[in-house]
C-alpha atoms as a PDB file:
ATOM      1  CA  MET A   1     -73.294   0.860 102.403  1.00  0.00           C
ATOM      2  CA  SER A   2     -69.514   0.945 102.722  1.00  0.00           C
ATOM      3  CA  VAL A   3     -68.043  -1.022  99.839  1.00  0.00           C
ATOM      4  CA  LEU A   4     -65.820   1.705  98.418  1.00  0.00           C
ATOM      5  CA  PRO A   5     -62.150   2.370  99.283  1.00  0.00           C
ATOM      6  CA  GLU A   6     -62.925   5.729 100.864  1.00  0.00           C
ATOM      7  CA  GLU A   7     -65.080   3.941 103.469  1.00  0.00           C
ATOM      8  CA  ARG A   8     -62.179   1.742 104.535  1.00  0.00           C
ATOM      9  CA  ILE A   9     -59.292   4.215 104.882  1.00  0.00           C
ATOM     10  CA  LEU A  10     -58.972   6.100 108.151  1.00  0.00           C
ATOM     11  CA  THR A  11     -57.492   9.496 108.839  1.00  0.00           C
ATOM     12  CA  THR A  12     -57.354  12.088 111.609  1.00  0.00           C
ATOM     13  CA  LEU A  13     -59.826  14.925 112.101  1.00  0.00           C
ATOM     14  CA  HIS A  14     -57.462  17.792 111.257  1.00  0.00           C
ATOM     15  CA  THR A  15     -58.812  18.465 107.747  1.00  0.00           C
ATOM     16  CA  VAL A  16     -62.432  18.220 108.891  1.00  0.00           C
ATOM     17  CA  ALA A  17     -61.775  20.534 111.842  1.00  0.00           C
ATOM     18  CA  LEU A  18     -60.039  23.082 109.615  1.00  0.00           C
ATOM     19  CA  ALA A  19     -62.846  23.028 107.045  1.00  0.00           C
ATOM     20  CA  VAL A  20     -65.529  23.482 109.699  1.00  0.00           C
ATOM     21  CA  GLN A  21     -63.637  26.268 111.447  1.00  0.00           C
ATOM     22  CA  SER A  22     -62.915  28.133 108.198  1.00  0.00           C
ATOM     23  CA  VAL A  23     -66.425  27.967 106.745  1.00  0.00           C
ATOM     24  CA  GLN A  24     -68.010  28.770 110.098  1.00  0.00           C
ATOM     25  CA  ARG A  25     -66.311  32.167 109.772  1.00  0.00           C
ATOM     26  CA  MET A  26     -68.456  32.699 106.680  1.00  0.00           C
ATOM     27  CA  GLY A  27     -71.580  32.326 108.796  1.00  0.00           C
ATOM     28  CA  VAL A  28     -72.325  28.656 108.101  1.00  0.00           C
ATOM     29  CA  PRO A  29     -73.277  26.613 111.210  1.00  0.00           C
ATOM     30  CA  ALA A  30     -71.153  23.587 112.082  1.00  0.00           C
ATOM     31  CA  GLU A  31     -74.205  21.325 112.046  1.00  0.00           C
ATOM     32  CA  GLN A  32     -74.747  22.099 108.357  1.00  0.00           C
ATOM     33  CA  LEU A  33     -71.117  21.322 107.532  1.00  0.00           C
ATOM     34  CA  LEU A  34     -71.140  18.026 109.442  1.00  0.00           C
ATOM     35  CA  GLU A  35     -74.534  16.898 108.110  1.00  0.00           C
ATOM     36  CA  GLY A  36     -74.497  13.298 106.903  1.00  0.00           C
ATOM     37  CA  SER A  37     -70.906  12.664 108.006  1.00  0.00           C
ATOM     38  CA  GLY A  38     -71.579  10.855 111.268  1.00  0.00           C
ATOM     39  CA  ILE A  39     -69.282  13.340 113.053  1.00  0.00           C
ATOM     40  CA  CYS A  40     -70.586  15.523 115.862  1.00  0.00           C
ATOM     41  CA  GLN A  41     -69.224  18.954 116.739  1.00  0.00           C
ATOM     42  CA  GLN A  42     -67.889  17.852 120.130  1.00  0.00           C
ATOM     43  CA  GLU A  43     -65.681  15.244 118.483  1.00  0.00           C
ATOM     44  CA  LEU A  44     -63.732  17.925 116.606  1.00  0.00           C
ATOM     45  CA  GLN A  45     -61.779  18.511 119.811  1.00  0.00           C
ATOM     46  CA  SER A  46     -60.805  14.838 120.172  1.00  0.00           C
ATOM     47  CA  PRO A  47     -57.277  14.121 118.881  1.00  0.00           C
ATOM     48  CA  ALA A  48     -57.804  10.356 119.110  1.00  0.00           C
ATOM     49  CA  ARG A  49     -60.935  10.347 116.927  1.00  0.00           C
ATOM     50  CA  LEU A  50     -60.430   8.777 113.515  1.00  0.00           C
ATOM     51  CA  VAL A  51     -62.761   9.179 110.548  1.00  0.00           C
ATOM     52  CA  SER A  52     -62.962   7.522 107.155  1.00  0.00           C
ATOM     53  CA  HIS A  53     -62.067   9.331 103.956  1.00  0.00           C
ATOM     54  CA  ALA A  54     -65.747   9.068 103.023  1.00  0.00           C
ATOM     55  CA  GLN A  55     -66.747  11.029 106.137  1.00  0.00           C
ATOM     56  CA  GLU A  56     -64.095  13.634 105.431  1.00  0.00           C
ATOM     57  CA  LEU A  57     -65.222  13.929 101.813  1.00  0.00           C
ATOM     58  CA  ARG A  58     -68.803  14.478 102.939  1.00  0.00           C
ATOM     59  CA  VAL A  59     -67.735  17.406 105.139  1.00  0.00           C
ATOM     60  CA  LEU A  60     -65.617  18.873 102.325  1.00  0.00           C
ATOM     61  CA  SER A  61     -68.543  18.547  99.922  1.00  0.00           C
ATOM     62  CA  ASN A  62     -70.824  20.308 102.409  1.00  0.00           C
ATOM     63  CA  ALA A  63     -68.223  23.031 102.926  1.00  0.00           C
ATOM     64  CA  LEU A  64     -67.776  23.652  99.210  1.00  0.00           C
ATOM     65  CA  ALA A  65     -71.538  23.797  98.654  1.00  0.00           C
ATOM     66  CA  ALA A  66     -72.036  26.234 101.535  1.00  0.00           C
ATOM     67  CA  SER A  67     -69.015  28.422 100.866  1.00  0.00           C
ATOM     68  CA  ALA A  68     -69.167  31.653  98.922  1.00  0.00           C
ATOM     69  CA  ASP A  69     -65.542  31.125  97.856  1.00  0.00           C
ATOM     70  CA  PRO A  70     -65.028  28.990  94.704  1.00  0.00           C
ATOM     71  CA  ALA A  71     -61.328  28.784  95.615  1.00  0.00           C
ATOM     72  CA  LEU A  72     -62.073  27.208  99.004  1.00  0.00           C
ATOM     73  CA  GLY A  73     -59.587  24.406  98.334  1.00  0.00           C
ATOM     74  CA  LEU A  74     -56.765  26.934  97.971  1.00  0.00           C
ATOM     75  CA  LEU A  75     -57.911  28.778 101.089  1.00  0.00           C
ATOM     76  CA  LEU A  76     -57.934  25.640 103.228  1.00  0.00           C
ATOM     77  CA  GLY A  77     -54.612  24.479 101.821  1.00  0.00           C
ATOM     78  CA  LYS A  78     -52.958  27.761 102.756  1.00  0.00           C
ATOM     79  CA  ARG A  79     -54.197  27.262 106.323  1.00  0.00           C
ATOM     80  CA  MET A  80     -53.037  23.634 106.577  1.00  0.00           C
ATOM     81  CA  HIS A  81     -49.833  24.250 108.515  1.00  0.00           C
ATOM     82  CA  VAL A  82     -47.266  21.567 109.270  1.00  0.00           C
ATOM     83  CA  SER A  83     -48.371  21.422 112.920  1.00  0.00           C
ATOM     84  CA  ALA A  84     -51.737  20.026 111.760  1.00  0.00           C
ATOM     85  CA  TYR A  85     -50.063  16.696 110.978  1.00  0.00           C
ATOM     86  CA  GLY A  86     -49.224  15.918 114.591  1.00  0.00           C
ATOM     87  CA  MET A  87     -46.137  13.807 115.204  1.00  0.00           C
ATOM     88  CA  LEU A  88     -45.405  13.599 111.480  1.00  0.00           C
ATOM     89  CA  GLY A  89     -45.390  17.395 111.255  1.00  0.00           C
ATOM     90  CA  TYR A  90     -42.944  17.784 114.139  1.00  0.00           C
ATOM     91  CA  THR A  91     -40.696  15.102 112.670  1.00  0.00           C
ATOM     92  CA  LEU A  92     -40.671  16.945 109.350  1.00  0.00           C
ATOM     93  CA  LEU A  93     -39.584  20.119 111.151  1.00  0.00           C
ATOM     94  CA  ALA A  94     -36.679  18.262 112.764  1.00  0.00           C
ATOM     95  CA  SER A  95     -35.431  16.853 109.436  1.00  0.00           C
ATOM     96  CA  ARG A  96     -31.964  17.710 108.168  1.00  0.00           C
ATOM     97  CA  ASP A  97     -33.010  19.453 104.950  1.00  0.00           C
ATOM     98  CA  LEU A  98     -36.080  20.005 102.785  1.00  0.00           C
ATOM     99  CA  ALA A  99     -35.383  16.932 100.646  1.00  0.00           C
ATOM    100  CA  GLU A 100     -35.320  14.643 103.698  1.00  0.00           C
ATOM    101  CA  ALA A 101     -38.521  16.189 105.062  1.00  0.00           C
ATOM    102  CA  LEU A 102     -40.474  15.865 101.807  1.00  0.00           C
ATOM    103  CA  ARG A 103     -39.332  12.284 101.248  1.00  0.00           C
ATOM    104  CA  LEU A 104     -40.430  11.468 104.796  1.00  0.00           C
ATOM    105  CA  ALA A 105     -43.875  12.960 104.169  1.00  0.00           C
ATOM    106  CA  ILE A 106     -44.235  11.030 100.912  1.00  0.00           C
ATOM    107  CA  ALA A 107     -43.217   7.799 102.660  1.00  0.00           C
ATOM    108  CA  HIS A 108     -46.058   8.134 105.205  1.00  0.00           C
ATOM    109  CA  PRO A 109     -49.236   8.888 103.201  1.00  0.00           C
ATOM    110  CA  THR A 110     -51.457   7.427 105.911  1.00  0.00           C
ATOM    111  CA  LEU A 111     -50.247   9.973 108.479  1.00  0.00           C
ATOM    112  CA  LEU A 112     -50.322  12.722 105.871  1.00  0.00           C
ATOM    113  CA  GLY A 113     -53.964  11.870 105.116  1.00  0.00           C
ATOM    114  CA  THR A 114     -53.587  12.465 101.390  1.00  0.00           C
ATOM    115  CA  TYR A 115     -55.917  11.198  98.659  1.00  0.00           C
ATOM    116  CA  PHE A 116     -53.048  11.271  96.176  1.00  0.00           C
ATOM    117  CA  GLN A 117     -49.865   9.452  95.285  1.00  0.00           C
ATOM    118  CA  LEU A 118     -47.152  12.020  95.879  1.00  0.00           C
ATOM    119  CA  GLU A 119     -43.792  12.043  94.102  1.00  0.00           C
ATOM    120  CA  LEU A 120     -40.691  14.200  94.232  1.00  0.00           C
ATOM    121  CA  GLN A 121     -38.734  13.966  91.001  1.00  0.00           C
ATOM    122  CA  PRO A 122     -36.303  16.028  88.899  1.00  0.00           C
ATOM    123  CA  VAL A 123     -37.617  17.051  85.479  1.00  0.00           C
ATOM    124  CA  GLY A 124     -35.236  19.099  83.359  1.00  0.00           C
ATOM    125  CA  ASP A 125     -33.908  22.030  85.367  1.00  0.00           C
ATOM    126  CA  GLU A 126     -36.591  21.826  88.080  1.00  0.00           C
ATOM    127  CA  VAL A 127     -37.873  19.431  90.711  1.00  0.00           C
ATOM    128  CA  ARG A 128     -41.584  18.570  90.784  1.00  0.00           C
ATOM    129  CA  LEU A 129     -43.680  17.725  93.795  1.00  0.00           C
ATOM    130  CA  SER A 130     -46.576  16.025  92.033  1.00  0.00           C
ATOM    131  CA  ALA A 131     -49.945  14.574  93.048  1.00  0.00           C
ATOM    132  CA  SER A 132     -51.607  11.826  91.007  1.00  0.00           C
ATOM    133  CA  GLY A 133     -53.797   8.745  91.367  1.00  0.00           C
ATOM    134  CA  TYR A 134     -56.946  10.409  92.757  1.00  0.00           C
ATOM    135  CA  ARG A 135     -59.741   7.809  92.868  1.00  0.00           C
ATOM    136  CA  TYR A 136     -62.467   9.294  95.011  1.00  0.00           C
ATOM    137  CA  ALA A 137     -65.485  11.562  94.369  1.00  0.00           C
ATOM    138  CA  LEU A 138     -64.967  13.047  90.910  1.00  0.00           C
ATOM    139  CA  ALA A 139     -67.058  16.093  91.767  1.00  0.00           C
ATOM    140  CA  LEU A 140     -64.418  16.992  94.373  1.00  0.00           C
ATOM    141  CA  ARG A 141     -61.350  16.200  92.254  1.00  0.00           C
ATOM    142  CA  GLN A 142     -60.431  19.807  91.392  1.00  0.00           C
ATOM    143  CA  PHE A 143     -61.154  20.969  94.945  1.00  0.00           C
ATOM    144  CA  ASN A 144     -58.922  18.247  96.384  1.00  0.00           C
ATOM    145  CA  ILE A 145     -56.109  18.997  93.940  1.00  0.00           C
ATOM    146  CA  GLU A 146     -56.245  22.644  95.044  1.00  0.00           C
ATOM    147  CA  LEU A 147     -56.280  21.618  98.698  1.00  0.00           C
ATOM    148  CA  CYS A 148     -53.439  19.141  98.268  1.00  0.00           C
ATOM    149  CA  LEU A 149     -51.028  21.365  96.352  1.00  0.00           C
ATOM    150  CA  ALA A 150     -51.751  24.474  98.404  1.00  0.00           C
ATOM    151  CA  SER A 151     -51.214  22.533 101.636  1.00  0.00           C
ATOM    152  CA  LEU A 152     -47.944  21.079 100.335  1.00  0.00           C
ATOM    153  CA  LEU A 153     -46.717  24.593  99.564  1.00  0.00           C
ATOM    154  CA  THR A 154     -47.714  25.698 103.075  1.00  0.00           C
ATOM    155  CA  VAL A 155     -45.740  22.793 104.531  1.00  0.00           C
ATOM    156  CA  VAL A 156     -42.668  23.709 102.453  1.00  0.00           C
ATOM    157  CA  GLN A 157     -42.901  27.309 103.630  1.00  0.00           C
ATOM    158  CA  ASP A 158     -43.356  26.246 107.268  1.00  0.00           C
ATOM    159  CA  LEU A 159     -40.369  23.902 107.063  1.00  0.00           C
ATOM    160  CA  LEU A 160     -38.084  26.574 105.629  1.00  0.00           C
ATOM    161  CA  GLY A 161     -39.464  29.333 107.820  1.00  0.00           C
ATOM    162  CA  GLU A 162     -40.064  31.711 104.915  1.00  0.00           C
ATOM    163  CA  SER A 163     -42.585  32.351 102.157  1.00  0.00           C
ATOM    164  CA  VAL A 164     -40.716  30.699  99.282  1.00  0.00           C
ATOM    165  CA  ARG A 165     -42.552  30.568  95.969  1.00  0.00           C
ATOM    166  CA  PRO A 166     -42.641  27.775  93.416  1.00  0.00           C
ATOM    167  CA  ARG A 167     -41.333  28.451  89.929  1.00  0.00           C
ATOM    168  CA  ARG A 168     -44.735  27.481  88.576  1.00  0.00           C
ATOM    169  CA  LEU A 169     -47.829  25.418  89.252  1.00  0.00           C
ATOM    170  CA  LEU A 170     -48.933  22.749  86.750  1.00  0.00           C
ATOM    171  CA  LEU A 171     -52.556  21.592  86.615  1.00  0.00           C
ATOM    172  CA  ASP A 172     -54.069  18.933  84.369  1.00  0.00           C
ATOM    173  CA  TYR A 173     -57.495  20.566  83.975  1.00  0.00           C
ATOM    174  CA  PRO A 174     -58.767  23.635  82.066  1.00  0.00           C
ATOM    175  CA  ALA A 175     -58.720  27.061  83.721  1.00  0.00           C
ATOM    176  CA  PRO A 176     -61.790  27.417  86.014  1.00  0.00           C
ATOM    177  CA  ALA A 177     -63.719  30.624  86.556  1.00  0.00           C
ATOM    178  CA  HIS A 178     -61.545  31.448  89.582  1.00  0.00           C
ATOM    179  CA  ALA A 179     -58.265  30.868  87.689  1.00  0.00           C
ATOM    180  CA  ALA A 180     -56.836  34.203  88.852  1.00  0.00           C
ATOM    181  CA  SER A 181     -56.995  32.984  92.464  1.00  0.00           C
ATOM    182  CA  TYR A 182     -54.203  30.478  91.895  1.00  0.00           C
ATOM    183  CA  SER A 183     -51.419  32.956  91.193  1.00  0.00           C
ATOM    184  CA  GLU A 184     -52.834  35.411  93.752  1.00  0.00           C
ATOM    185  CA  ARG A 185     -52.840  32.874  96.596  1.00  0.00           C
ATOM    186  CA  LEU A 186     -49.832  30.735  95.667  1.00  0.00           C
ATOM    187  CA  GLY A 187     -47.629  33.498  94.291  1.00  0.00           C
ATOM    188  CA  CYS A 188     -46.444  31.802  91.102  1.00  0.00           C
ATOM    189  CA  PRO A 189     -47.348  31.404  87.401  1.00  0.00           C
ATOM    190  CA  VAL A 190     -49.950  28.734  86.624  1.00  0.00           C
ATOM    191  CA  GLU A 191     -50.228  26.449  83.596  1.00  0.00           C
ATOM    192  CA  PHE A 192     -53.558  24.711  82.995  1.00  0.00           C
ATOM    193  CA  ASP A 193     -54.080  21.617  80.789  1.00  0.00           C
ATOM    194  CA  ALA A 194     -50.480  20.750  81.665  1.00  0.00           C
ATOM    195  CA  GLY A 195     -50.914  16.968  81.809  1.00  0.00           C
ATOM    196  CA  CYS A 196     -50.029  16.685  85.517  1.00  0.00           C
ATOM    197  CA  ASN A 197     -50.583  18.351  88.880  1.00  0.00           C
ATOM    198  CA  ALA A 198     -47.359  19.588  90.431  1.00  0.00           C
ATOM    199  CA  LEU A 199     -45.517  22.329  92.273  1.00  0.00           C
ATOM    200  CA  CYS A 200     -42.235  23.072  90.495  1.00  0.00           C
ATOM    201  CA  PHE A 201     -39.203  24.303  92.448  1.00  0.00           C
ATOM    202  CA  ASN A 202     -35.566  25.166  91.966  1.00  0.00           C
ATOM    203  CA  PRO A 203     -33.674  21.916  92.808  1.00  0.00           C
ATOM    204  CA  LYS A 204     -31.282  23.842  95.076  1.00  0.00           C
ATOM    205  CA  LEU A 205     -34.192  24.470  97.428  1.00  0.00           C
ATOM    206  CA  LEU A 206     -34.122  20.799  98.451  1.00  0.00           C
ATOM    207  CA  GLU A 207     -30.596  21.212  99.800  1.00  0.00           C
ATOM    208  CA  ARG A 208     -31.621  23.940 102.244  1.00  0.00           C
ATOM    209  CA  THR A 209     -30.951  23.035 105.877  1.00  0.00           C
ATOM    210  CA  LEU A 210     -34.099  23.401 107.967  1.00  0.00           C
ATOM    211  CA  PRO A 211     -33.899  25.981 110.784  1.00  0.00           C
ATOM    212  CA  LEU A 212     -35.323  23.538 113.355  1.00  0.00           C
ATOM    213  CA  ALA A 213     -33.258  20.527 112.279  1.00  0.00           C
ATOM    214  CA  ASP A 214     -32.432  18.205 115.174  1.00  0.00           C
ATOM    215  CA  PRO A 215     -31.146  14.673 114.456  1.00  0.00           C
ATOM    216  CA  VAL A 216     -32.093  13.259 117.872  1.00  0.00           C
ATOM    217  CA  SER A 217     -35.648  14.632 117.758  1.00  0.00           C
ATOM    218  CA  HIS A 218     -35.944  13.527 114.132  1.00  0.00           C
ATOM    219  CA  GLN A 219     -34.979   9.941 114.970  1.00  0.00           C
ATOM    220  CA  HIS A 220     -37.334   9.821 117.947  1.00  0.00           C
ATOM    221  CA  GLY A 221     -40.155  11.298 115.877  1.00  0.00           C
ATOM    222  CA  LEU A 222     -39.549   8.822 113.079  1.00  0.00           C
ATOM    223  CA  GLN A 223     -39.943   5.917 115.504  1.00  0.00           C
ATOM    224  CA  GLN A 224     -43.191   7.435 116.811  1.00  0.00           C
ATOM    225  CA  CYS A 225     -44.500   7.874 113.261  1.00  0.00           C
ATOM    226  CA  MET A 226     -43.778   4.245 112.439  1.00  0.00           C
ATOM    227  CA  GLN A 227     -45.637   3.136 115.562  1.00  0.00           C
ATOM    228  CA  LEU A 228     -48.640   5.334 114.749  1.00  0.00           C
ATOM    229  CA  GLU A 229     -48.767   4.047 111.185  1.00  0.00           C
ATOM    230  CA  ALA A 230     -48.515   0.460 112.404  1.00  0.00           C
ATOM    231  CA  GLN A 231     -51.474   1.065 114.713  1.00  0.00           C
ATOM    232  CA  LEU A 232     -53.554   2.434 111.854  1.00  0.00           C
ATOM    233  CA  HIS A 233     -52.619  -0.491 109.635  1.00  0.00           C
ATOM    234  CA  SER A 234     -53.412  -2.985 112.396  1.00  0.00           C
ATOM    235  CA  ARG A 235     -56.869  -1.452 112.703  1.00  0.00           C
ATOM    236  CA  HIS A 236     -57.373  -1.808 108.966  1.00  0.00           C
ATOM    237  CA  ASP A 237     -56.119  -5.392 109.251  1.00  0.00           C
ATOM    238  CA  LEU A 238     -58.717  -6.158 111.943  1.00  0.00           C
ATOM    239  CA  ARG A 239     -61.539  -5.098 109.656  1.00  0.00           C
ATOM    240  CA  ASP A 240     -60.015  -7.101 106.822  1.00  0.00           C
ATOM    241  CA  LEU A 241     -59.672 -10.151 109.086  1.00  0.00           C
ATOM    242  CA  ILE A 242     -63.361  -9.960 109.962  1.00  0.00           C
ATOM    243  CA  ARG A 243     -64.309  -9.480 106.309  1.00  0.00           C
ATOM    244  CA  GLN A 244     -62.252 -12.547 105.374  1.00  0.00           C
ATOM    245  CA  GLN A 245     -64.072 -14.680 107.946  1.00  0.00           C
ATOM    246  CA  LEU A 246     -67.429 -13.430 106.719  1.00  0.00           C
ATOM    247  CA  SER A 247     -66.564 -13.958 103.065  1.00  0.00           C
ATOM    248  CA  GLY A 248     -65.494 -17.526 103.781  1.00  0.00           C
ATOM    249  CA  ASP A 249     -68.731 -18.608 105.438  1.00  0.00           C
ATOM    250  CA  LEU A 250     -71.561 -16.143 105.965  1.00  0.00           C
ATOM    251  CA  THR A 251     -73.815 -18.759 107.539  1.00  0.00           C
ATOM    252  CA  GLU A 252     -71.376 -19.828 110.226  1.00  0.00           C
ATOM    253  CA  CYS A 253     -70.068 -16.278 110.848  1.00  0.00           C
ATOM    254  CA  SER A 254     -73.399 -14.554 111.283  1.00  0.00           C
ATOM    255  CA  THR A 255     -72.592 -13.230 114.776  1.00  0.00           C
ATOM    256  CA  LEU A 256     -69.666 -11.368 116.301  1.00  0.00           C
ATOM    257  CA  GLU A 257     -69.358 -14.086 118.938  1.00  0.00           C
ATOM    258  CA  ARG A 258     -68.678 -16.747 116.296  1.00  0.00           C
ATOM    259  CA  VAL A 259     -66.145 -14.551 114.477  1.00  0.00           C
ATOM    260  CA  ALA A 260     -64.391 -13.734 117.752  1.00  0.00           C
ATOM    261  CA  THR A 261     -64.056 -17.461 118.495  1.00  0.00           C
ATOM    262  CA  ARG A 262     -62.517 -18.089 115.074  1.00  0.00           C
ATOM    263  CA  LEU A 263     -60.049 -15.229 115.561  1.00  0.00           C
ATOM    264  CA  HIS A 264     -59.200 -16.367 119.106  1.00  0.00           C
ATOM    265  CA  ARG A 265     -60.220 -13.015 120.578  1.00  0.00           C
ATOM    266  CA  SER A 266     -62.949 -11.929 122.958  1.00  0.00           C
ATOM    267  CA  GLU A 267     -66.205 -10.554 121.604  1.00  0.00           C
ATOM    268  CA  ARG A 268     -65.874  -7.558 123.910  1.00  0.00           C
ATOM    269  CA  THR A 269     -62.393  -6.686 122.584  1.00  0.00           C
ATOM    270  CA  LEU A 270     -63.514  -6.894 118.961  1.00  0.00           C
ATOM    271  CA  ARG A 271     -66.562  -4.727 119.641  1.00  0.00           C
ATOM    272  CA  ARG A 272     -64.437  -2.083 121.385  1.00  0.00           C
ATOM    273  CA  HIS A 273     -61.909  -1.995 118.523  1.00  0.00           C
ATOM    274  CA  LEU A 274     -64.665  -1.708 115.942  1.00  0.00           C
ATOM    275  CA  GLN A 275     -66.177   1.204 117.864  1.00  0.00           C
ATOM    276  CA  GLN A 276     -62.780   2.925 117.785  1.00  0.00           C
ATOM    277  CA  LEU A 277     -62.821   2.453 114.003  1.00  0.00           C
ATOM    278  CA  ASN A 278     -66.255   4.082 113.823  1.00  0.00           C
ATOM    279  CA  THR A 279     -67.829   0.898 112.487  1.00  0.00           C
ATOM    280  CA  SER A 280     -69.639  -2.187 113.771  1.00  0.00           C
ATOM    281  CA  PHE A 281     -69.912  -5.893 113.090  1.00  0.00           C
ATOM    282  CA  GLN A 282     -73.301  -5.373 111.445  1.00  0.00           C
ATOM    283  CA  HIS A 283     -71.765  -2.761 109.159  1.00  0.00           C
ATOM    284  CA  LEU A 284     -69.042  -5.186 108.008  1.00  0.00           C
ATOM    285  CA  LEU A 285     -71.574  -7.992 107.658  1.00  0.00           C
ATOM    286  CA  ASP A 286     -73.708  -5.793 105.408  1.00  0.00           C
ATOM    287  CA  GLU A 287     -70.634  -4.885 103.325  1.00  0.00           C
ATOM    288  CA  VAL A 288     -69.770  -8.507 102.642  1.00  0.00           C
ATOM    289  CA  ARG A 289     -73.375  -9.527 102.031  1.00  0.00           C
ATOM    290  CA  TYR A 290     -73.861  -6.685  99.567  1.00  0.00           C
ATOM    291  CA  ASP A 291     -70.647  -7.500  97.699  1.00  0.00           C
ATOM    292  CA  LYS A 292     -71.546 -11.174  97.455  1.00  0.00           C
ATOM    293  CA  ALA A 293     -75.191 -10.486  96.554  1.00  0.00           C
ATOM    294  CA  ARG A 294     -74.160  -8.302  93.605  1.00  0.00           C
ATOM    295  CA  GLN A 295     -71.725 -10.946  92.375  1.00  0.00           C
ATOM    296  CA  LEU A 296     -74.326 -13.690  92.550  1.00  0.00           C
ATOM    297  CA  LEU A 297     -77.090 -11.606  90.972  1.00  0.00           C
ATOM    298  CA  LEU A 298     -74.928 -10.386  88.087  1.00  0.00           C
ATOM    299  CA  ASN A 299     -72.824 -13.480  87.417  1.00  0.00           C
ATOM    300  CA  THR A 300     -75.106 -16.441  88.151  1.00  0.00           C
ATOM    301  CA  ASP A 301     -78.647 -17.611  87.427  1.00  0.00           C
ATOM    302  CA  LYS A 302     -79.304 -18.715  90.995  1.00  0.00           C
ATOM    303  CA  PRO A 303     -82.844 -18.084  92.196  1.00  0.00           C
ATOM    304  CA  ILE A 304     -83.125 -15.224  94.616  1.00  0.00           C
ATOM    305  CA  TYR A 305     -84.291 -17.484  97.458  1.00  0.00           C
ATOM    306  CA  LEU A 306     -81.079 -19.539  97.154  1.00  0.00           C
ATOM    307  CA  ILE A 307     -78.961 -16.386  97.146  1.00  0.00           C
ATOM    308  CA  ALA A 308     -80.747 -15.275 100.317  1.00  0.00           C
ATOM    309  CA  GLU A 309     -79.920 -18.625 101.970  1.00  0.00           C
ATOM    310  CA  GLU A 310     -76.268 -18.402 100.892  1.00  0.00           C
ATOM    311  CA  LEU A 311     -76.033 -14.953 102.456  1.00  0.00           C
ATOM    312  CA  GLY A 312     -77.334 -16.260 105.772  1.00  0.00           C
ATOM    313  CA  TYR A 313     -80.948 -15.075 105.556  1.00  0.00           C
ATOM    314  CA  SER A 314     -83.651 -17.411 106.833  1.00  0.00           C
ATOM    315  CA  GLU A 315     -86.321 -15.523 104.864  1.00  0.00           C
ATOM    316  CA  THR A 316     -86.127 -14.230 101.287  1.00  0.00           C
ATOM    317  CA  ALA A 317     -88.185 -11.174 102.208  1.00  0.00           C
ATOM    318  CA  SER A 318     -85.511 -10.079 104.696  1.00  0.00           C
ATOM    319  CA  PHE A 319     -82.861 -10.275 101.981  1.00  0.00           C
ATOM    320  CA  ARG A 320     -85.017  -8.305  99.531  1.00  0.00           C
ATOM    321  CA  HIS A 321     -85.571  -5.586 102.122  1.00  0.00           C
ATOM    322  CA  ALA A 322     -81.857  -5.396 102.975  1.00  0.00           C
ATOM    323  CA  PHE A 323     -80.786  -5.241  99.323  1.00  0.00           C
ATOM    324  CA  GLN A 324     -83.266  -2.438  98.661  1.00  0.00           C
ATOM    325  CA  ARG A 325     -81.783  -0.520 101.594  1.00  0.00           C
ATOM    326  CA  TRP A 326     -78.205  -1.042 100.375  1.00  0.00           C
ATOM    327  CA  SER A 327     -78.652  -0.248  96.702  1.00  0.00           C
ATOM    328  CA  GLY A 328     -82.004   1.451  96.221  1.00  0.00           C
ATOM    329  CA  LEU A 329     -82.991  -1.424  93.907  1.00  0.00           C
ATOM    330  CA  ALA A 330     -84.819  -4.710  94.277  1.00  0.00           C
ATOM    331  CA  PRO A 331     -82.606  -7.767  93.597  1.00  0.00           C
ATOM    332  CA  SER A 332     -84.577  -8.540  90.438  1.00  0.00           C
ATOM    333  CA  GLU A 333     -84.036  -5.010  89.121  1.00  0.00           C
ATOM    334  CA  LEU A 334     -80.248  -5.403  89.268  1.00  0.00           C
ATOM    335  CA  ARG A 335     -80.479  -8.419  86.967  1.00  0.00           C
ATOM    336  CA  ARG A 336     -82.361  -6.579  84.227  1.00  0.00           C
END
């Protein structure tokens, strides 16, 4: 049941492909790593394939469970080179200096595929590249912080063309059992329980001209990035448009044909676009029904048969069966 933010945000396959490739080297089969994600091995070679953050998180969870390396997040981050980000990566390389490149990356989180809110800010005599606002699977929070910060350092090193080191690494959690891996793999002192998660650099580093700087290529790449991001947002908007129609009247919008008529689009076009988003009309219909069912069960005293009717079910038994499938509970159990 996709009612969470991670089910609704799309990203490319580069992180999934890297995780599968890296853990396969440890002797773990790809099928085991992709289990439960809805991604097949053949699709890892498809640059146009988009996946949700939830699918990506499932693969990362599988990889962490199967890996013999507790510092897997650091390992993957060190292998996440700037070329993995497609057009955004090449546009970063063509930027004038490191400051321009990092601000560009921060301005396009959708293309970067990050789970975090990134910031570049001066603090005292250093500049911090920080990651905050993580709101996904808590069990993977530390892993994703490691992956994020290590990959950002890799990008900085790729952009400058040399293995620069941060002044220090700040982490907001206690030292884990593999604490020594941080300084070994990132090449800098580490401070745990620091209140934030950030790479700290000498501010002068931001002024460094990039070796591959090219203003014409940078401008062209920036236009391409804006177009790609607009396409991703338009796909999100399509799903939101369908959800809005369903939320407004579940009875009258019970089929894709009816929704297509309301949106002045063909049923075939909507179905094709939904397939490209790795979802379906039934999936979105279930999302909205589940959301509304929980609201009605928790916030009203309506009989269950009336709730079933309001959700577009002709039989109460069908609603009970669907709710059990979505939540693992009977409707009456949620009210207890």
